[in-house]
Amino acid sequence: MTKIGKKNSGFNRKCIATGLVVPENQMLRFDYNKNENIIRLDVNRELKGRGAYFIATEDNWNTVVRKKCLNKTFRTAVSKETYEKIEQELKEGLWLKRID
């Protein structure tokens, strides 16, 4: 049975900061490579490994840092330097959106 008039809009993912379920193309992805023990921003969604998504706003990023959401999501100890490195990448790429 096919659905008429509906295109596949992609997959929905849950934001690690807010818990909202949103289409993945509206979110940024973090990648965790367990073999190398590296967490990094995956802007093009090309990296292989466990992924986590978040809606890229300053408030949400502050929540990720404050609640240590990457630690909980990837079940590993994430250093403060890793959070700072990712924050720098977010600011350089202007990925964080301001909500006024």
Protein backbone atom coordinates (compact mmCIF):
# COMPACT_ATOMS: atom_id res chain seq x y z
CA MET A 1 0.00 0.00 0.00
CA THR A 2 1.44 3.37 -1.00
CA LYS A 3 0.66 6.80 0.32
CA ILE A 4 -0.43 9.15 -2.43
CA GLY A 5 0.71 12.75 -2.38
CA LYS A 6 3.18 12.35 0.47
CA LYS A 7 6.90 12.53 -0.05
CA ASN A 8 9.38 11.10 2.38
CA SER A 9 10.31 14.10 4.49
CA GLY A 10 13.26 12.35 6.10
CA PHE A 11 13.66 10.97 9.54
CA ASN A 12 12.76 12.57 12.82
CA ARG A 13 15.28 12.75 15.64
CA LYS A 14 15.07 13.77 19.28
CA CYS A 15 17.00 16.83 20.45
CA ILE A 16 19.35 15.94 23.31
CA ALA A 17 18.81 19.36 24.91
CA THR A 18 15.04 19.84 24.68
CA GLY A 19 13.64 16.39 24.00
CA LEU A 20 11.67 17.71 21.02
CA VAL A 21 11.27 15.40 18.02
CA VAL A 22 12.12 17.31 14.83
CA PRO A 23 13.12 16.38 11.25
CA GLU A 24 16.85 15.67 11.23
CA ASN A 25 17.51 18.21 8.47
CA GLN A 26 16.63 20.97 10.97
CA MET A 27 19.23 19.82 13.49
CA LEU A 28 22.98 19.50 13.89
CA ARG A 29 24.59 16.13 14.47
CA PHE A 30 27.33 15.10 16.86
CA ASP A 31 29.33 12.00 16.02
CA TYR A 32 30.97 9.69 18.55
CA ASN A 33 33.67 7.35 17.29
CA LYS A 34 34.04 4.81 20.07
CA ASN A 35 37.25 3.28 18.68
CA GLU A 36 39.06 6.63 18.70
CA ASN A 37 37.05 8.05 21.63
CA ILE A 38 36.37 11.26 19.68
CA ILE A 39 33.23 13.40 19.73
CA ARG A 40 32.94 15.93 16.94
CA LEU A 41 30.44 18.03 15.06
CA ASP A 42 29.18 16.28 11.92
CA VAL A 43 27.84 19.11 9.77
CA ASN A 44 27.54 17.10 6.53
CA ARG A 45 26.28 13.94 8.27
CA GLU A 46 29.00 11.87 6.62
CA LEU A 47 30.85 10.51 9.65
CA LYS A 48 30.19 6.97 10.76
CA GLY A 49 29.51 6.28 14.38
CA ARG A 50 26.87 6.85 16.99
CA GLY A 51 25.06 10.12 16.46
CA ALA A 52 23.18 12.62 18.58
CA TYR A 53 21.17 15.59 17.37
CA PHE A 54 20.35 19.01 18.76
CA ILE A 55 18.47 22.10 17.64
CA ALA A 56 21.23 24.66 17.18
CA THR A 57 20.35 27.61 19.38
CA GLU A 58 22.46 29.28 22.04
CA ASP A 59 20.00 28.33 24.77
CA ASN A 60 20.04 24.69 23.70
CA TRP A 61 23.85 24.63 23.55
CA ASN A 62 24.02 26.11 27.06
CA THR A 63 21.65 23.35 28.19
CA VAL A 64 23.87 20.71 26.55
CA VAL A 65 26.90 22.04 28.42
CA ARG A 66 25.14 22.63 31.74
CA LYS A 67 23.46 19.20 31.85
CA LYS A 68 26.40 17.41 30.20
CA CYS A 69 24.06 15.93 27.60
CA LEU A 70 26.92 14.53 25.49
CA ASN A 71 28.15 12.55 28.50
CA LYS A 72 24.71 11.04 29.02
CA THR A 73 23.98 10.41 25.36
CA PHE A 74 27.27 8.73 24.50
CA ARG A 75 27.74 7.15 27.96
CA THR A 76 31.30 8.35 28.26
CA ALA A 77 33.28 11.04 30.06
CA VAL A 78 33.47 14.12 27.85
CA SER A 79 36.14 16.63 28.79
CA LYS A 80 35.52 20.33 29.25
CA GLU A 81 37.99 20.93 26.39
CA THR A 82 35.78 18.89 24.04
CA TYR A 83 32.76 21.03 24.91
CA GLU A 84 34.83 24.19 24.36
CA LYS A 85 36.18 22.92 21.02
CA ILE A 86 32.68 22.12 19.76
CA GLU A 87 31.40 25.50 20.96
CA GLN A 88 34.20 27.22 19.04
CA GLU A 89 33.28 25.28 15.88
CA LEU A 90 29.63 26.24 16.34
CA LYS A 91 30.48 29.92 16.70
CA GLU A 92 32.94 29.93 13.78
CA GLY A 93 30.41 28.28 11.51
CA LEU A 94 27.65 30.52 12.85
CA TRP A 95 25.55 27.42 13.50
CA LEU A 96 24.10 28.76 16.72
CA LYS A 97 20.94 30.76 16.14
CA ARG A 98 20.00 33.59 18.44
CA ILE A 99 16.50 33.63 19.80
CA ASP A 100 15.39 37.12 20.78
